[in-house]
C-alpha atoms as a PDB file:
ATOM      1  CA  MET A   1     102.226 133.512  62.920  1.00  0.00           C
ATOM      2  CA  LYS A   2     101.136 130.087  61.615  1.00  0.00           C
ATOM      3  CA  LEU A   3     103.990 128.408  63.479  1.00  0.00           C
ATOM      4  CA  MET A   4     102.952 130.045  66.724  1.00  0.00           C
ATOM      5  CA  LYS A   5      99.314 128.960  66.245  1.00  0.00           C
ATOM      6  CA  LYS A   6     100.421 125.360  65.602  1.00  0.00           C
ATOM      7  CA  THR A   7     102.651 125.348  68.677  1.00  0.00           C
ATOM      8  CA  VAL A   8      99.927 126.759  70.935  1.00  0.00           C
ATOM      9  CA  PHE A   9      97.398 124.298  69.499  1.00  0.00           C
ATOM     10  CA  LEU A  10      99.724 121.328  70.054  1.00  0.00           C
ATOM     11  CA  LEU A  11     100.534 122.385  73.608  1.00  0.00           C
ATOM     12  CA  THR A  12      96.882 122.862  74.559  1.00  0.00           C
ATOM     13  CA  THR A  13      95.932 119.534  72.956  1.00  0.00           C
ATOM     14  CA  GLY A  14      98.734 117.779  74.818  1.00  0.00           C
ATOM     15  CA  LEU A  15      97.697 119.425  78.062  1.00  0.00           C
ATOM     16  CA  PHE A  16      94.092 118.394  77.488  1.00  0.00           C
ATOM     17  CA  PHE A  17      95.031 114.736  76.906  1.00  0.00           C
ATOM     18  CA  THR A  18      97.335 114.729  79.927  1.00  0.00           C
ATOM     19  CA  ILE A  19      94.593 116.065  82.192  1.00  0.00           C
ATOM     20  CA  ALA A  20      92.087 113.597  80.733  1.00  0.00           C
ATOM     21  CA  ALA A  21      94.461 110.674  81.358  1.00  0.00           C
ATOM     22  CA  MET A  22      95.133 111.754  84.948  1.00  0.00           C
ATOM     23  CA  ALA A  23      91.443 112.165  85.628  1.00  0.00           C
ATOM     24  CA  GLN A  24      90.773 108.557  84.620  1.00  0.00           C
ATOM     25  CA  THR A  25      93.321 106.977  86.943  1.00  0.00           C
ATOM     26  CA  GLY A  26      91.863 106.123  90.325  1.00  0.00           C
ATOM     27  CA  ALA A  27      93.260 107.592  93.476  1.00  0.00           C
ATOM     28  CA  THR A  28      95.279 105.099  95.474  1.00  0.00           C
ATOM     29  CA  ALA A  29      94.499 104.698  99.143  1.00  0.00           C
ATOM     30  CA  THR A  30      97.718 105.451 100.972  1.00  0.00           C
ATOM     31  CA  THR A  31      96.256 105.004 104.433  1.00  0.00           C
ATOM     32  CA  SER A  32      95.007 101.443 104.519  1.00  0.00           C
ATOM     33  CA  THR A  33      94.548 100.283 108.082  1.00  0.00           C
ATOM     34  CA  THR A  34      94.068  96.580 107.545  1.00  0.00           C
ATOM     35  CA  THR A  35      94.600  94.398 110.561  1.00  0.00           C
ATOM     36  CA  GLN A  36      96.842  91.429 109.980  1.00  0.00           C
ATOM     37  CA  ASN A  37      96.153  87.931 111.208  1.00  0.00           C
ATOM     38  CA  PRO A  38      98.398  87.118 114.231  1.00  0.00           C
ATOM     39  CA  ALA A  39      99.405  83.812 112.618  1.00  0.00           C
ATOM     40  CA  VAL A  40     100.535  85.644 109.495  1.00  0.00           C
ATOM     41  CA  LYS A  41     102.394  88.200 111.585  1.00  0.00           C
ATOM     42  CA  SER A  42     104.300  85.551 113.543  1.00  0.00           C
ATOM     43  CA  GLY A  43     104.878  83.545 110.350  1.00  0.00           C
ATOM     44  CA  MET A  44     106.429  86.541 108.625  1.00  0.00           C
ATOM     45  CA  LYS A  45     108.607  87.178 111.675  1.00  0.00           C
ATOM     46  CA  ASP A  46     109.791  83.558 111.557  1.00  0.00           C
ATOM     47  CA  MET A  47     110.441  83.912 107.821  1.00  0.00           C
ATOM     48  CA  ARG A  48     112.542  87.050 108.392  1.00  0.00           C
ATOM     49  CA  HIS A  49     114.593  85.288 111.066  1.00  0.00           C
ATOM     50  CA  ASP A  50     115.141  82.283 108.782  1.00  0.00           C
ATOM     51  CA  VAL A  51     116.263  84.503 105.897  1.00  0.00           C
ATOM     52  CA  ARG A  52     118.660  86.412 108.147  1.00  0.00           C
ATOM     53  CA  GLU A  53     120.052  83.118 109.492  1.00  0.00           C
ATOM     54  CA  LEU A  54     120.512  81.810 105.938  1.00  0.00           C
ATOM     55  CA  ARG A  55     122.435  84.925 104.924  1.00  0.00           C
ATOM     56  CA  LYS A  56     124.613  84.707 108.028  1.00  0.00           C
ATOM     57  CA  ASP A  57     125.403  81.030 107.403  1.00  0.00           C
ATOM     58  CA  LYS A  58     126.317  81.764 103.783  1.00  0.00           C
ATOM     59  CA  ARG A  59     128.712  84.514 104.863  1.00  0.00           C
ATOM     60  CA  GLN A  60     130.305  82.215 107.461  1.00  0.00           C
ATOM     61  CA  ARG A  61     130.623  79.373 104.931  1.00  0.00           C
ATOM     62  CA  ASP A  62     132.334  81.635 102.417  1.00  0.00           C
ATOM     63  CA  GLU A  63     134.706  82.861 105.118  1.00  0.00           C
ATOM     64  CA  ALA A  64     135.488  79.284 106.165  1.00  0.00           C
ATOM     65  CA  LEU A  65     136.216  78.316 102.561  1.00  0.00           C
ATOM     66  CA  GLU A  66     138.532  81.315 102.163  1.00  0.00           C
ATOM     67  CA  ASN A  67     140.428  80.219 105.262  1.00  0.00           C
ATOM     68  CA  GLY A  68     140.603  76.626 104.005  1.00  0.00           C
ATOM     69  CA  ASN A  69     138.413  75.137 106.737  1.00  0.00           C
ATOM     70  CA  LYS A  70     136.421  72.624 104.686  1.00  0.00           C
ATOM     71  CA  ALA A  71     134.978  70.751 107.659  1.00  0.00           C
ATOM     72  CA  LYS A  72     133.371  73.901 109.038  1.00  0.00           C
ATOM     73  CA  ALA A  73     132.194  74.850 105.541  1.00  0.00           C
ATOM     74  CA  ASN A  74     130.510  71.443 105.121  1.00  0.00           C
ATOM     75  CA  ALA A  75     128.773  71.799 108.504  1.00  0.00           C
ATOM     76  CA  LEU A  76     127.566  75.252 107.521  1.00  0.00           C
ATOM     77  CA  GLY A  77     126.358  73.808 104.217  1.00  0.00           C
ATOM     78  CA  LYS A  78     124.102  71.460 106.192  1.00  0.00           C
ATOM     79  CA  ASP A  79     122.823  74.439 108.193  1.00  0.00           C
ATOM     80  CA  ILE A  80     122.107  76.286 104.950  1.00  0.00           C
ATOM     81  CA  ARG A  81     120.124  73.343 103.588  1.00  0.00           C
ATOM     82  CA  SER A  82     118.075  73.112 106.797  1.00  0.00           C
ATOM     83  CA  ASP A  83     117.449  76.885 106.705  1.00  0.00           C
ATOM     84  CA  LYS A  84     116.255  76.620 103.110  1.00  0.00           C
ATOM     85  CA  LYS A  85     113.948  73.793 104.128  1.00  0.00           C
ATOM     86  CA  ASP A  86     112.533  75.952 106.957  1.00  0.00           C
ATOM     87  CA  ILE A  87     112.052  78.885 104.583  1.00  0.00           C
ATOM     88  CA  ASN A  88     110.260  76.699 102.053  1.00  0.00           C
ATOM     89  CA  HIS A  89     107.971  75.299 104.760  1.00  0.00           C
ATOM     90  CA  ASP A  90     107.195  78.817 106.016  1.00  0.00           C
ATOM     91  CA  ARG A  91     106.565  79.943 102.435  1.00  0.00           C
ATOM     92  CA  LYS A  92     104.004  77.206 101.853  1.00  0.00           C
ATOM     93  CA  GLN A  93     102.312  77.937 105.179  1.00  0.00           C
ATOM     94  CA  LEU A  94     102.101  81.676 104.539  1.00  0.00           C
ATOM     95  CA  GLN A  95     100.838  81.182 100.996  1.00  0.00           C
ATOM     96  CA  SER A  96      98.070  78.937 102.329  1.00  0.00           C
ATOM     97  CA  GLU A  97      97.115  81.796 104.664  1.00  0.00           C
ATOM     98  CA  GLY A  98      96.869  84.200 101.718  1.00  0.00           C
ATOM     99  CA  VAL A  99     100.239  85.980 101.731  1.00  0.00           C
ATOM    100  CA  LYS A 100     101.500  86.627  98.218  1.00  0.00           C
ATOM    101  CA  HIS A 101     105.236  86.153  97.597  1.00  0.00           C
ATOM    102  CA  PRO A 102     106.256  85.718 101.265  1.00  0.00           C
ATOM    103  CA  ILE A 103     109.997  85.337 100.599  1.00  0.00           C
ATOM    104  CA  LYS A 104     110.165  88.535  98.547  1.00  0.00           C
ATOM    105  CA  ARG A 105     108.032  90.271 101.151  1.00  0.00           C
ATOM    106  CA  ALA A 106     110.385  89.130 103.930  1.00  0.00           C
ATOM    107  CA  ASP A 107     113.396  90.382 101.940  1.00  0.00           C
ATOM    108  CA  ARG A 108     111.761  93.796 101.598  1.00  0.00           C
ATOM    109  CA  GLN A 109     110.893  93.907 105.298  1.00  0.00           C
ATOM    110  CA  ILE A 110     114.478  93.032 106.212  1.00  0.00           C
ATOM    111  CA  HIS A 111     115.775  95.754 103.915  1.00  0.00           C
ATOM    112  CA  ARG A 112     113.343  98.275 105.399  1.00  0.00           C
ATOM    113  CA  GLN A 113     114.409  97.345 108.940  1.00  0.00           C
ATOM    114  CA  ASN A 114     118.075  97.666 108.007  1.00  0.00           C
ATOM    115  CA  MET A 115     117.502 101.114 106.483  1.00  0.00           C
ATOM    116  CA  GLU A 116     115.587 102.272 109.571  1.00  0.00           C
ATOM    117  CA  HIS A 117     118.381 100.986 111.768  1.00  0.00           C
ATOM    118  CA  LYS A 118     121.046 102.771 109.707  1.00  0.00           C
ATOM    119  CA  GLY A 119     119.573 106.154 109.914  1.00  0.00           C
END
């Protein structure tokens, strides 16, 4: 009988603390309709295109190195460096406009677009 009382008491106490903790956390707004600055929108689009181009050039460079075409790989290396320079410039521009972590954000947007395209 004592064991059952202890178990019921512990369960009700745990339930009470769980409810109290959930009641203190604020509700998150899932429907935020914030309008985005057109410059930020076009900047993020440019960033996504630059990141996709960088990935494509890296794949082509690796393929050229596998095939033994060092001249093409060196040319693609120059393209990769210019793409990285473009990405860094876009990153600085977007950060000055208030976008936090624009490269990571672009990576997530690319992933989301790829998943939508897949299925």
